[in-house]
N, C-alpha and C. Protein backbone atom coordinates (compact mmCIF):
# COMPACT_ATOMS: atom_id res chain seq x y z
N ARG A 1 41.06 16.52 52.78
CA ARG A 1 40.13 15.60 53.46
C ARG A 1 39.83 16.08 54.87
N ASP A 2 40.87 16.40 55.61
CA ASP A 2 40.67 16.84 57.00
C ASP A 2 39.80 18.08 57.06
N GLY A 3 39.99 19.02 56.10
CA GLY A 3 39.20 20.24 56.10
C GLY A 3 37.73 19.96 55.85
N VAL A 4 37.41 19.00 54.96
CA VAL A 4 36.03 18.66 54.65
C VAL A 4 35.37 18.02 55.87
N VAL A 5 36.06 17.07 56.49
CA VAL A 5 35.52 16.41 57.68
C VAL A 5 35.28 17.41 58.79
N ALA A 6 36.22 18.33 58.98
CA ALA A 6 36.08 19.34 60.04
C ALA A 6 34.89 20.24 59.78
N SER A 7 34.66 20.62 58.52
CA SER A 7 33.53 21.50 58.20
C SER A 7 32.20 20.78 58.40
N ILE A 8 32.15 19.48 58.08
CA ILE A 8 30.92 18.70 58.29
C ILE A 8 30.62 18.58 59.78
N ARG A 9 31.63 18.29 60.57
CA ARG A 9 31.44 18.17 62.01
C ARG A 9 30.99 19.50 62.63
N LYS A 10 31.57 20.60 62.14
CA LYS A 10 31.18 21.91 62.66
C LYS A 10 29.71 22.19 62.35
N SER A 11 29.27 21.88 61.11
CA SER A 11 27.87 22.09 60.74
C SER A 11 26.94 21.23 61.57
N ALA A 12 27.36 19.98 61.82
CA ALA A 12 26.52 19.07 62.62
C ALA A 12 26.43 19.55 64.06
N ARG A 13 27.53 20.06 64.55
CA ARG A 13 27.55 20.53 65.94
C ARG A 13 26.71 21.78 66.12
N GLU A 14 26.77 22.70 65.15
CA GLU A 14 26.06 23.97 65.27
C GLU A 14 24.72 23.96 64.55
N LEU A 15 24.43 22.83 63.84
CA LEU A 15 23.19 22.70 63.07
C LEU A 15 23.03 23.85 62.07
N THR A 16 24.13 24.15 61.38
CA THR A 16 24.14 25.19 60.34
C THR A 16 24.33 24.54 58.98
N PRO A 17 23.83 25.17 57.89
CA PRO A 17 23.97 24.59 56.55
C PRO A 17 25.45 24.35 56.20
N TRP A 18 25.68 23.29 55.46
CA TRP A 18 27.04 22.95 55.03
C TRP A 18 27.13 23.08 53.51
N GLN A 19 28.08 23.88 53.05
CA GLN A 19 28.33 24.07 51.62
C GLN A 19 29.83 24.04 51.39
N GLN A 20 30.28 23.24 50.45
CA GLN A 20 31.72 23.18 50.22
C GLN A 20 32.04 22.48 48.91
N GLU A 21 33.11 22.97 48.26
CA GLU A 21 33.69 22.29 47.10
C GLU A 21 34.86 21.44 47.59
N TYR A 22 34.99 20.27 47.03
CA TYR A 22 36.10 19.39 47.42
C TYR A 22 36.38 18.40 46.30
N ARG A 23 37.50 17.74 46.40
CA ARG A 23 37.92 16.78 45.38
C ARG A 23 38.00 15.39 45.99
N VAL A 24 37.61 14.40 45.17
CA VAL A 24 37.59 13.01 45.63
C VAL A 24 38.36 12.16 44.63
N LYS A 25 39.24 11.32 45.18
CA LYS A 25 39.97 10.38 44.34
C LYS A 25 39.31 9.02 44.43
N PHE A 26 38.88 8.49 43.28
CA PHE A 26 38.19 7.20 43.25
C PHE A 26 39.18 6.05 43.12
N ASP A 27 38.65 4.84 43.26
CA ASP A 27 39.51 3.64 43.26
C ASP A 27 40.26 3.46 41.95
N ASP A 28 39.65 3.93 40.83
CA ASP A 28 40.32 3.77 39.53
C ASP A 28 41.36 4.86 39.28
N GLY A 29 41.56 5.75 40.26
CA GLY A 29 42.58 6.78 40.14
C GLY A 29 42.07 8.12 39.63
N THR A 30 40.84 8.16 39.15
CA THR A 30 40.30 9.43 38.66
C THR A 30 39.98 10.36 39.83
N ILE A 31 40.13 11.65 39.56
CA ILE A 31 39.84 12.67 40.57
C ILE A 31 38.72 13.54 40.05
N ARG A 32 37.66 13.67 40.88
CA ARG A 32 36.51 14.46 40.49
C ARG A 32 36.31 15.61 41.47
N SER A 33 35.82 16.74 40.95
CA SER A 33 35.49 17.88 41.80
C SER A 33 34.00 17.81 42.13
N LEU A 34 33.68 17.91 43.41
CA LEU A 34 32.30 17.80 43.87
C LEU A 34 31.90 19.04 44.66
N TYR A 35 30.59 19.28 44.67
CA TYR A 35 30.05 20.38 45.47
C TYR A 35 28.95 19.81 46.36
N GLY A 36 29.11 19.98 47.68
CA GLY A 36 28.13 19.49 48.62
C GLY A 36 27.32 20.62 49.23
N ASN A 37 26.03 20.40 49.37
CA ASN A 37 25.14 21.39 49.96
C ASN A 37 24.10 20.63 50.78
N ALA A 38 24.15 20.79 52.09
CA ALA A 38 23.25 20.01 52.95
C ALA A 38 22.89 20.79 54.21
N VAL A 39 21.76 20.42 54.79
CA VAL A 39 21.29 21.04 56.02
C VAL A 39 21.14 19.94 57.08
N PRO A 40 21.80 20.08 58.22
CA PRO A 40 21.68 19.05 59.28
C PRO A 40 20.41 19.24 60.12
N GLN A 41 19.88 18.11 60.59
CA GLN A 41 18.70 18.15 61.46
C GLN A 41 18.86 17.07 62.53
N ARG A 42 18.68 17.46 63.77
CA ARG A 42 18.86 16.51 64.86
C ARG A 42 17.57 15.71 65.09
N GLY A 43 17.75 14.39 65.14
CA GLY A 43 16.62 13.51 65.35
C GLY A 43 16.24 13.40 66.82
N ASP A 44 15.14 12.68 67.08
CA ASP A 44 14.66 12.51 68.45
C ASP A 44 15.67 11.77 69.32
N ASP A 45 16.45 10.90 68.68
CA ASP A 45 17.43 10.12 69.44
C ASP A 45 18.76 10.85 69.58
N GLY A 46 18.83 12.09 69.10
CA GLY A 46 20.06 12.86 69.23
C GLY A 46 21.01 12.75 68.04
N SER A 47 20.70 11.85 67.10
CA SER A 47 21.55 11.71 65.93
C SER A 47 21.27 12.84 64.94
N VAL A 48 22.20 13.06 64.02
CA VAL A 48 22.08 14.13 63.02
C VAL A 48 21.72 13.53 61.68
N LEU A 49 20.64 14.02 61.11
CA LEU A 49 20.23 13.61 59.78
C LEU A 49 20.55 14.75 58.80
N TRP A 50 21.00 14.37 57.61
CA TRP A 50 21.38 15.37 56.61
C TRP A 50 20.39 15.36 55.46
N HIS A 51 20.02 16.58 55.01
CA HIS A 51 19.15 16.73 53.86
C HIS A 51 19.87 17.65 52.86
N GLY A 52 20.19 17.12 51.71
CA GLY A 52 20.90 17.93 50.73
C GLY A 52 21.29 17.13 49.51
N PHE A 53 22.32 17.59 48.81
CA PHE A 53 22.75 16.92 47.59
C PHE A 53 24.24 17.14 47.37
N ILE A 54 24.80 16.30 46.52
CA ILE A 54 26.20 16.42 46.09
C ILE A 54 26.20 16.44 44.57
N THR A 55 26.87 17.46 43.99
CA THR A 55 26.89 17.65 42.54
C THR A 55 28.32 17.50 42.02
N ASP A 56 28.45 16.76 40.91
CA ASP A 56 29.75 16.62 40.24
C ASP A 56 29.98 17.86 39.39
N ILE A 57 30.97 18.67 39.74
CA ILE A 57 31.25 19.92 39.02
C ILE A 57 32.60 19.86 38.29
N THR A 58 33.06 18.66 38.02
CA THR A 58 34.39 18.50 37.39
C THR A 58 34.46 19.22 36.06
N GLU A 59 33.47 18.99 35.18
CA GLU A 59 33.50 19.63 33.86
C GLU A 59 33.43 21.14 33.97
N ARG A 60 32.61 21.62 34.90
CA ARG A 60 32.49 23.07 35.07
C ARG A 60 33.79 23.68 35.56
N LYS A 61 34.46 22.99 36.48
CA LYS A 61 35.74 23.48 36.97
C LYS A 61 36.78 23.50 35.86
N GLN A 62 36.79 22.45 35.04
CA GLN A 62 37.74 22.39 33.93
C GLN A 62 37.46 23.49 32.92
N ALA A 63 36.17 23.76 32.68
CA ALA A 63 35.81 24.84 31.76
C ALA A 63 36.24 26.19 32.32
N ASP A 64 36.07 26.37 33.64
CA ASP A 64 36.50 27.63 34.28
C ASP A 64 38.00 27.81 34.16
N ILE A 65 38.75 26.73 34.36
CA ILE A 65 40.20 26.81 34.25
C ILE A 65 40.62 27.15 32.83
N ALA A 66 39.96 26.50 31.85
CA ALA A 66 40.27 26.79 30.45
C ALA A 66 39.93 28.22 30.09
N LEU A 67 38.79 28.72 30.63
CA LEU A 67 38.38 30.09 30.35
C LEU A 67 39.37 31.09 30.94
N ARG A 68 39.82 30.83 32.16
CA ARG A 68 40.80 31.72 32.79
C ARG A 68 42.12 31.70 32.03
N ALA A 69 42.52 30.52 31.56
CA ALA A 69 43.76 30.41 30.79
C ALA A 69 43.64 31.18 29.48
N SER A 70 42.46 31.07 28.83
CA SER A 70 42.24 31.79 27.57
C SER A 70 42.24 33.29 27.80
N ALA A 71 41.60 33.72 28.88
CA ALA A 71 41.56 35.15 29.20
C ALA A 71 42.96 35.68 29.51
N SER A 72 43.73 34.86 30.23
CA SER A 72 45.10 35.26 30.56
C SER A 72 45.96 35.36 29.29
N TYR A 73 45.76 34.42 28.36
CA TYR A 73 46.50 34.43 27.10
C TYR A 73 46.14 35.66 26.27
N ALA A 74 44.82 35.96 26.20
CA ALA A 74 44.38 37.14 25.45
C ALA A 74 44.94 38.42 26.07
N ARG A 75 44.92 38.51 27.39
CA ARG A 75 45.44 39.70 28.07
C ARG A 75 46.93 39.85 27.80
N SER A 76 47.67 38.73 27.79
CA SER A 76 49.10 38.78 27.52
C SER A 76 49.37 39.32 26.12
N LEU A 77 48.57 38.88 25.15
CA LEU A 77 48.73 39.37 23.77
C LEU A 77 48.44 40.86 23.69
N ILE A 78 47.38 41.30 24.37
CA ILE A 78 47.00 42.71 24.34
C ILE A 78 48.08 43.57 24.97
N GLU A 79 48.60 43.13 26.11
CA GLU A 79 49.60 43.93 26.80
C GLU A 79 50.95 43.90 26.09
N ALA A 80 51.19 42.86 25.27
CA ALA A 80 52.46 42.78 24.54
C ALA A 80 52.52 43.78 23.39
N SER A 81 51.35 44.30 22.97
CA SER A 81 51.32 45.24 21.86
C SER A 81 51.90 46.59 22.26
N LEU A 82 52.71 47.17 21.39
CA LEU A 82 53.24 48.51 21.60
C LEU A 82 52.25 49.58 21.17
N ASP A 83 51.21 49.17 20.44
CA ASP A 83 50.18 50.11 19.99
C ASP A 83 49.08 50.21 21.05
N PRO A 84 48.52 51.40 21.25
CA PRO A 84 47.38 51.53 22.14
C PRO A 84 46.19 50.71 21.64
N LEU A 85 45.62 49.90 22.52
CA LEU A 85 44.46 49.07 22.18
C LEU A 85 43.34 49.38 23.17
N VAL A 86 42.12 49.52 22.67
CA VAL A 86 40.97 49.79 23.54
C VAL A 86 39.77 48.99 23.04
N THR A 87 38.83 48.73 23.97
CA THR A 87 37.53 48.22 23.58
C THR A 87 36.50 49.29 23.95
N ILE A 88 35.49 49.44 23.11
CA ILE A 88 34.49 50.50 23.25
C ILE A 88 33.10 49.88 23.12
N ASN A 89 32.17 50.31 23.98
CA ASN A 89 30.80 49.81 23.84
C ASN A 89 30.02 50.66 22.83
N SER A 90 28.76 50.33 22.65
CA SER A 90 27.96 50.99 21.61
C SER A 90 27.73 52.47 21.88
N GLU A 91 27.93 52.91 23.13
CA GLU A 91 27.79 54.33 23.46
C GLU A 91 29.12 55.08 23.34
N GLY A 92 30.16 54.39 22.91
CA GLY A 92 31.46 55.04 22.76
C GLY A 92 32.23 55.14 24.07
N ILE A 93 31.82 54.37 25.07
CA ILE A 93 32.50 54.38 26.36
C ILE A 93 33.59 53.30 26.37
N ILE A 94 34.77 53.66 26.83
CA ILE A 94 35.89 52.72 26.89
C ILE A 94 35.63 51.70 27.98
N THR A 95 35.77 50.41 27.63
CA THR A 95 35.54 49.33 28.58
C THR A 95 36.84 48.62 29.00
N ASP A 96 37.89 48.78 28.20
CA ASP A 96 39.18 48.17 28.57
C ASP A 96 40.28 48.83 27.77
N VAL A 97 41.49 48.85 28.32
CA VAL A 97 42.66 49.43 27.66
C VAL A 97 43.88 48.58 27.99
N ASN A 98 44.94 48.76 27.20
CA ASN A 98 46.21 48.13 27.54
C ASN A 98 47.18 49.18 28.06
N GLU A 99 48.36 48.73 28.46
CA GLU A 99 49.35 49.63 29.06
C GLU A 99 49.80 50.70 28.08
N ALA A 100 49.87 50.34 26.78
CA ALA A 100 50.30 51.31 25.76
C ALA A 100 49.33 52.49 25.68
N SER A 101 48.04 52.24 25.92
CA SER A 101 47.05 53.33 25.92
C SER A 101 47.30 54.28 27.08
N ILE A 102 47.69 53.71 28.22
CA ILE A 102 47.98 54.52 29.40
C ILE A 102 49.18 55.43 29.12
N LEU A 103 50.20 54.88 28.50
CA LEU A 103 51.40 55.66 28.19
C LEU A 103 51.10 56.73 27.14
N ALA A 104 50.26 56.41 26.17
CA ALA A 104 49.98 57.35 25.08
C ALA A 104 49.13 58.52 25.52
N THR A 105 48.27 58.31 26.53
CA THR A 105 47.35 59.37 26.97
C THR A 105 47.81 60.05 28.26
N GLY A 106 48.64 59.36 29.04
CA GLY A 106 49.06 59.90 30.33
C GLY A 106 47.99 59.74 31.40
N LYS A 107 46.95 58.97 31.11
CA LYS A 107 45.86 58.74 32.07
C LYS A 107 45.94 57.34 32.65
N ALA A 108 45.54 57.19 33.89
CA ALA A 108 45.53 55.88 34.54
C ALA A 108 44.40 55.03 33.96
N ARG A 109 44.50 53.72 34.15
CA ARG A 109 43.48 52.81 33.62
C ARG A 109 42.09 53.19 34.16
N GLY A 110 42.03 53.51 35.44
CA GLY A 110 40.76 53.87 36.04
C GLY A 110 40.16 55.13 35.45
N GLN A 111 41.00 56.04 34.94
CA GLN A 111 40.51 57.26 34.30
C GLN A 111 40.01 56.99 32.89
N LEU A 112 40.64 56.04 32.22
CA LEU A 112 40.25 55.74 30.84
C LEU A 112 39.00 54.88 30.78
N VAL A 113 38.98 53.79 31.55
CA VAL A 113 37.82 52.90 31.55
C VAL A 113 36.62 53.65 32.13
N GLY A 114 35.54 53.68 31.35
CA GLY A 114 34.34 54.41 31.76
C GLY A 114 34.25 55.81 31.18
N SER A 115 35.32 56.27 30.50
CA SER A 115 35.31 57.61 29.90
C SER A 115 34.91 57.53 28.42
N ASP A 116 34.60 58.67 27.83
CA ASP A 116 34.22 58.75 26.42
C ASP A 116 35.46 58.62 25.55
N PHE A 117 35.42 57.67 24.61
CA PHE A 117 36.54 57.42 23.71
C PHE A 117 36.96 58.67 22.96
N SER A 118 35.98 59.46 22.52
CA SER A 118 36.28 60.64 21.69
C SER A 118 37.02 61.73 22.45
N ASP A 119 36.94 61.72 23.79
CA ASP A 119 37.61 62.75 24.58
C ASP A 119 39.13 62.60 24.59
N CYS A 120 39.63 61.50 24.06
CA CYS A 120 41.08 61.28 24.04
C CYS A 120 41.76 61.99 22.87
N PHE A 121 40.98 62.65 22.01
CA PHE A 121 41.53 63.18 20.77
C PHE A 121 41.32 64.69 20.65
N THR A 122 42.12 65.29 19.79
CA THR A 122 42.03 66.75 19.61
C THR A 122 40.75 67.14 18.88
N GLU A 123 40.17 66.21 18.10
CA GLU A 123 38.92 66.47 17.38
C GLU A 123 37.90 65.40 17.79
N PRO A 124 37.21 65.59 18.92
CA PRO A 124 36.27 64.59 19.43
C PRO A 124 35.18 64.20 18.42
N ALA A 125 34.67 65.16 17.68
CA ALA A 125 33.60 64.87 16.72
C ALA A 125 34.10 63.90 15.65
N ASN A 126 35.32 64.09 15.19
CA ASN A 126 35.90 63.21 14.19
C ASN A 126 36.09 61.80 14.75
N ALA A 127 36.55 61.71 16.00
CA ALA A 127 36.73 60.41 16.65
C ALA A 127 35.38 59.70 16.82
N ARG A 128 34.35 60.46 17.20
CA ARG A 128 33.01 59.88 17.38
C ARG A 128 32.48 59.34 16.05
N ALA A 129 32.70 60.10 14.99
CA ALA A 129 32.26 59.64 13.67
C ALA A 129 32.98 58.35 13.27
N GLY A 130 34.24 58.22 13.71
CA GLY A 130 35.02 57.03 13.38
C GLY A 130 34.46 55.77 14.01
N TYR A 131 34.15 55.83 15.33
CA TYR A 131 33.66 54.59 15.95
C TYR A 131 32.22 54.29 15.54
N LEU A 132 31.44 55.32 15.21
CA LEU A 132 30.09 55.07 14.69
C LEU A 132 30.16 54.38 13.33
N GLN A 133 31.17 54.74 12.55
CA GLN A 133 31.37 54.09 11.25
C GLN A 133 31.67 52.61 11.42
N VAL A 134 32.39 52.26 12.49
CA VAL A 134 32.69 50.85 12.75
C VAL A 134 31.40 50.07 12.99
N PHE A 135 30.49 50.63 13.80
CA PHE A 135 29.23 49.95 14.07
C PHE A 135 28.38 49.84 12.82
N THR A 136 28.52 50.79 11.90
CA THR A 136 27.74 50.77 10.66
C THR A 136 28.33 49.80 9.64
N ASP A 137 29.66 49.89 9.43
CA ASP A 137 30.31 49.10 8.39
C ASP A 137 30.97 47.82 8.90
N GLY A 138 31.12 47.71 10.21
CA GLY A 138 31.77 46.52 10.76
C GLY A 138 33.25 46.71 11.02
N LEU A 139 33.86 47.69 10.33
CA LEU A 139 35.29 47.96 10.53
C LEU A 139 35.66 49.29 9.89
N VAL A 140 36.82 49.80 10.27
CA VAL A 140 37.45 50.94 9.59
C VAL A 140 38.94 50.64 9.48
N ARG A 141 39.56 51.20 8.45
CA ARG A 141 40.98 50.97 8.22
C ARG A 141 41.70 52.32 8.08
N ASP A 142 42.80 52.49 8.80
CA ASP A 142 43.67 53.67 8.71
C ASP A 142 42.87 54.97 8.85
N TYR A 143 42.11 55.04 9.91
CA TYR A 143 41.31 56.24 10.19
C TYR A 143 42.21 57.24 10.91
N PRO A 144 42.48 58.43 10.31
CA PRO A 144 43.43 59.37 10.90
C PRO A 144 42.83 60.15 12.07
N LEU A 145 43.55 60.15 13.19
CA LEU A 145 43.16 60.91 14.37
C LEU A 145 44.42 61.45 15.05
N THR A 146 44.25 62.40 15.93
CA THR A 146 45.38 62.93 16.69
C THR A 146 45.10 62.73 18.17
N LEU A 147 45.90 61.88 18.79
CA LEU A 147 45.74 61.54 20.20
C LEU A 147 46.34 62.64 21.06
N ARG A 148 45.64 62.94 22.18
CA ARG A 148 46.09 64.02 23.05
C ARG A 148 46.59 63.45 24.38
N HIS A 149 47.82 63.83 24.75
CA HIS A 149 48.41 63.42 26.03
C HIS A 149 48.10 64.48 27.08
N THR A 150 48.03 64.06 28.34
CA THR A 150 47.72 65.02 29.41
C THR A 150 48.76 66.12 29.52
N SER A 151 49.98 65.87 29.02
CA SER A 151 51.04 66.87 29.06
C SER A 151 50.84 67.96 28.02
N GLY A 152 49.93 67.73 27.08
CA GLY A 152 49.69 68.70 26.03
C GLY A 152 50.25 68.29 24.68
N ARG A 153 51.17 67.35 24.65
CA ARG A 153 51.73 66.91 23.37
C ARG A 153 50.70 66.05 22.63
N THR A 154 50.85 65.96 21.33
CA THR A 154 49.90 65.21 20.51
C THR A 154 50.63 64.11 19.74
N ILE A 155 49.89 63.10 19.37
CA ILE A 155 50.43 61.97 18.62
C ILE A 155 49.51 61.69 17.44
N ASP A 156 50.05 61.73 16.23
CA ASP A 156 49.28 61.39 15.04
C ASP A 156 49.16 59.86 14.97
N VAL A 157 47.93 59.37 14.83
CA VAL A 157 47.71 57.93 14.79
C VAL A 157 46.78 57.58 13.64
N LEU A 158 46.87 56.32 13.24
CA LEU A 158 45.90 55.73 12.31
C LEU A 158 45.19 54.62 13.07
N TYR A 159 43.87 54.73 13.21
CA TYR A 159 43.11 53.74 13.94
C TYR A 159 42.54 52.70 13.00
N ASN A 160 42.69 51.43 13.41
CA ASN A 160 42.05 50.32 12.73
C ASN A 160 41.15 49.64 13.74
N ALA A 161 39.89 49.44 13.39
CA ALA A 161 38.93 48.93 14.36
C ALA A 161 37.92 48.00 13.69
N SER A 162 37.38 47.10 14.50
CA SER A 162 36.32 46.20 14.04
C SER A 162 35.42 45.86 15.21
N VAL A 163 34.21 45.42 14.91
CA VAL A 163 33.28 45.03 15.97
C VAL A 163 33.65 43.64 16.48
N TYR A 164 33.29 43.35 17.72
CA TYR A 164 33.41 41.98 18.24
C TYR A 164 32.05 41.54 18.75
N ARG A 165 31.80 40.22 18.68
CA ARG A 165 30.47 39.68 18.93
C ARG A 165 30.50 38.59 19.99
N ASP A 166 29.31 38.27 20.53
CA ASP A 166 29.20 37.16 21.46
C ASP A 166 28.98 35.87 20.68
N ALA A 167 28.76 34.77 21.39
CA ALA A 167 28.61 33.47 20.73
C ALA A 167 27.39 33.42 19.82
N GLN A 168 26.39 34.25 20.09
CA GLN A 168 25.19 34.28 19.26
C GLN A 168 25.29 35.26 18.10
N GLY A 169 26.42 35.94 17.98
CA GLY A 169 26.62 36.86 16.87
C GLY A 169 26.20 38.29 17.15
N LYS A 170 25.76 38.56 18.37
CA LYS A 170 25.35 39.92 18.73
C LYS A 170 26.57 40.80 18.91
N VAL A 171 26.53 42.00 18.33
CA VAL A 171 27.65 42.94 18.46
C VAL A 171 27.72 43.46 19.89
N LEU A 172 28.87 43.27 20.52
CA LEU A 172 29.06 43.72 21.89
C LEU A 172 29.77 45.06 21.97
N GLY A 173 30.66 45.32 21.01
CA GLY A 173 31.41 46.56 21.05
C GLY A 173 32.43 46.62 19.93
N VAL A 174 33.39 47.51 20.09
CA VAL A 174 34.43 47.74 19.08
C VAL A 174 35.80 47.50 19.70
N PHE A 175 36.65 46.82 18.96
CA PHE A 175 38.04 46.65 19.34
C PHE A 175 38.87 47.52 18.41
N ALA A 176 39.64 48.45 18.98
CA ALA A 176 40.37 49.43 18.17
C ALA A 176 41.85 49.46 18.53
N ALA A 177 42.68 49.60 17.51
CA ALA A 177 44.14 49.67 17.69
C ALA A 177 44.66 50.90 16.97
N ALA A 178 45.56 51.63 17.63
CA ALA A 178 46.13 52.85 17.05
C ALA A 178 47.59 52.65 16.69
N ARG A 179 47.97 53.08 15.52
CA ARG A 179 49.36 53.02 15.10
C ARG A 179 49.94 54.43 15.07
N ASP A 180 50.99 54.65 15.84
CA ASP A 180 51.63 55.96 15.91
C ASP A 180 52.35 56.25 14.59
N VAL A 181 51.90 57.30 13.91
CA VAL A 181 52.51 57.67 12.63
C VAL A 181 53.10 59.08 12.71
N THR A 182 53.43 59.52 13.93
CA THR A 182 53.96 60.87 14.12
C THR A 182 55.24 61.07 13.33
N GLU A 183 56.18 60.12 13.43
CA GLU A 183 57.45 60.25 12.71
C GLU A 183 57.24 60.20 11.21
N ARG A 184 56.33 59.35 10.77
CA ARG A 184 56.05 59.27 9.34
C ARG A 184 55.46 60.58 8.82
N LYS A 185 54.55 61.16 9.61
CA LYS A 185 53.96 62.44 9.22
C LYS A 185 55.02 63.54 9.19
N ARG A 186 55.94 63.49 10.17
CA ARG A 186 57.01 64.49 10.21
C ARG A 186 57.91 64.33 8.97
N ALA A 187 58.22 63.08 8.61
CA ALA A 187 59.05 62.84 7.43
C ALA A 187 58.34 63.31 6.16
N GLU A 188 57.02 63.09 6.11
CA GLU A 188 56.26 63.55 4.94
C GLU A 188 56.31 65.07 4.83
N ARG A 189 56.20 65.75 5.99
CA ARG A 189 56.26 67.21 5.97
C ARG A 189 57.63 67.70 5.51
N VAL A 190 58.69 67.00 5.94
CA VAL A 190 60.04 67.36 5.51
C VAL A 190 60.17 67.21 4.00
N VAL A 191 59.65 66.11 3.46
CA VAL A 191 59.71 65.87 2.02
C VAL A 191 58.95 66.97 1.27
N LEU A 192 57.75 67.31 1.77
CA LEU A 192 56.96 68.35 1.13
C LEU A 192 57.66 69.70 1.19
N ASP A 193 58.29 70.00 2.33
CA ASP A 193 59.03 71.26 2.46
C ASP A 193 60.20 71.29 1.48
N ASN A 194 60.90 70.17 1.36
CA ASN A 194 62.04 70.10 0.43
C ASN A 194 61.57 70.27 -1.02
N MET A 195 60.43 69.66 -1.33
CA MET A 195 59.89 69.81 -2.68
C MET A 195 59.50 71.26 -2.96
N ALA A 196 58.91 71.90 -1.94
CA ALA A 196 58.53 73.31 -2.11
C ALA A 196 59.76 74.18 -2.31
N ARG A 197 60.82 73.90 -1.53
CA ARG A 197 62.07 74.68 -1.70
C ARG A 197 62.69 74.43 -3.07
N ALA A 198 62.63 73.18 -3.52
CA ALA A 198 63.19 72.87 -4.84
C ALA A 198 62.43 73.61 -5.94
N GLU A 199 61.10 73.65 -5.80
CA GLU A 199 60.31 74.38 -6.79
C GLU A 199 60.63 75.87 -6.76
N GLU A 200 60.82 76.42 -5.57
CA GLU A 200 61.17 77.84 -5.45
C GLU A 200 62.53 78.13 -6.06
N LEU A 201 63.48 77.22 -5.82
CA LEU A 201 64.81 77.39 -6.42
C LEU A 201 64.73 77.32 -7.94
N ALA A 202 63.89 76.40 -8.43
CA ALA A 202 63.74 76.29 -9.89
C ALA A 202 63.17 77.58 -10.47
N ARG A 203 62.16 78.17 -9.76
CA ARG A 203 61.60 79.43 -10.23
C ARG A 203 62.63 80.55 -10.21
N LEU A 204 63.44 80.60 -9.13
CA LEU A 204 64.48 81.63 -9.04
C LEU A 204 65.53 81.46 -10.13
N LYS A 205 65.87 80.21 -10.39
CA LYS A 205 66.88 79.94 -11.43
C LYS A 205 66.37 80.39 -12.79
N LEU A 206 65.08 80.07 -13.05
CA LEU A 206 64.50 80.46 -14.33
C LEU A 206 64.46 81.98 -14.46
N ARG A 207 64.13 82.66 -13.36
CA ARG A 207 64.09 84.12 -13.38
C ARG A 207 65.48 84.70 -13.61
N PHE A 208 66.49 84.08 -12.93
CA PHE A 208 67.87 84.56 -13.10
C PHE A 208 68.33 84.40 -14.55
N VAL A 209 68.01 83.25 -15.14
CA VAL A 209 68.42 83.00 -16.53
C VAL A 209 67.75 84.02 -17.45
N SER A 210 66.48 84.28 -17.16
CA SER A 210 65.74 85.23 -18.00
C SER A 210 66.37 86.63 -17.91
N LEU A 211 66.69 87.07 -16.65
CA LEU A 211 67.30 88.39 -16.47
C LEU A 211 68.69 88.45 -17.09
N ALA A 212 69.45 87.38 -16.89
CA ALA A 212 70.81 87.36 -17.44
C ALA A 212 70.78 87.41 -18.96
N SER A 213 69.83 86.69 -19.53
CA SER A 213 69.71 86.70 -20.99
C SER A 213 69.38 88.10 -21.49
N HIS A 214 68.49 88.78 -20.77
CA HIS A 214 68.11 90.14 -21.16
C HIS A 214 69.29 91.09 -21.06
N GLU A 215 70.06 90.99 -19.95
CA GLU A 215 71.20 91.87 -19.74
C GLU A 215 72.29 91.63 -20.78
N LEU A 216 72.42 90.36 -21.20
CA LEU A 216 73.44 90.04 -22.22
C LEU A 216 73.01 90.51 -23.60
N ARG A 217 71.70 90.45 -23.87
CA ARG A 217 71.23 90.86 -25.19
C ARG A 217 71.43 92.35 -25.42
N THR A 218 71.33 93.17 -24.36
CA THR A 218 71.44 94.63 -24.52
C THR A 218 72.80 95.05 -25.06
N PRO A 219 73.96 94.68 -24.48
CA PRO A 219 75.26 95.09 -25.06
C PRO A 219 75.50 94.48 -26.44
N LEU A 220 75.01 93.25 -26.64
CA LEU A 220 75.19 92.63 -27.95
C LEU A 220 74.46 93.42 -29.03
N SER A 221 73.32 93.93 -28.69
CA SER A 221 72.56 94.74 -29.67
C SER A 221 73.32 96.01 -29.99
N ASN A 222 73.93 96.65 -28.97
CA ASN A 222 74.71 97.87 -29.20
C ASN A 222 75.91 97.58 -30.10
N ILE A 223 76.58 96.44 -29.83
CA ILE A 223 77.75 96.07 -30.66
C ILE A 223 77.32 95.85 -32.10
N THR A 224 76.19 95.19 -32.29
CA THR A 224 75.70 94.91 -33.67
C THR A 224 75.43 96.22 -34.40
N ILE A 225 74.77 97.17 -33.72
CA ILE A 225 74.49 98.48 -34.32
C ILE A 225 75.77 99.20 -34.69
N ALA A 226 76.76 99.13 -33.78
CA ALA A 226 78.03 99.82 -34.04
C ALA A 226 78.72 99.21 -35.23
N CYS A 227 78.68 97.88 -35.37
CA CYS A 227 79.31 97.21 -36.50
C CYS A 227 78.62 97.60 -37.80
N GLU A 228 77.31 97.73 -37.76
CA GLU A 228 76.59 98.11 -38.96
C GLU A 228 76.95 99.54 -39.41
N LEU A 229 77.11 100.45 -38.40
CA LEU A 229 77.51 101.79 -38.73
C LEU A 229 78.89 101.82 -39.31
């Protein structure tokens, strides 16, 4: 209250426009948010006349608070993810990232936001084809890519992405999440290597049996001939 009164008196004294948001408690106990906008004018008798308006902005303030709470909740969910998450516009430019994306690429948020999404991967053309497919089909599932870290190491990932829209249904961009499958790919390679070794051992065993059988048949044939003689 004191701050509002002081600002009004200052405007009246200096004859400058007065603009301010403030809260008023009414007799029934309700509290409303108001916005005042007025211009003072000094009359012939020295008094100050005000020309302006006062607007009830309670609903707008409540909507702003709810919107900020929703945005904070969404950001908390995004940052809680261990998977790299990014949003991309229709030109393939990154518009937002989470902390996991920063760790996976070794780049600061400021370096990632505004950069080309495809430049984060070892095969940019393949990455570009992936996000274009999202705009065409609405989503992609388990799209294989290899993420490149600034240190030179690479991370095998599967990207899942879908478009997101505004209230009118217009496509605004793509929301994409990457799942690190490096260990799974390494395990698959180990399994394939073991299978290849097993097949090689089987071939060697078969060859050994074949040679051994041949070597055994030779003396047996000589013994049979000798017995016949």
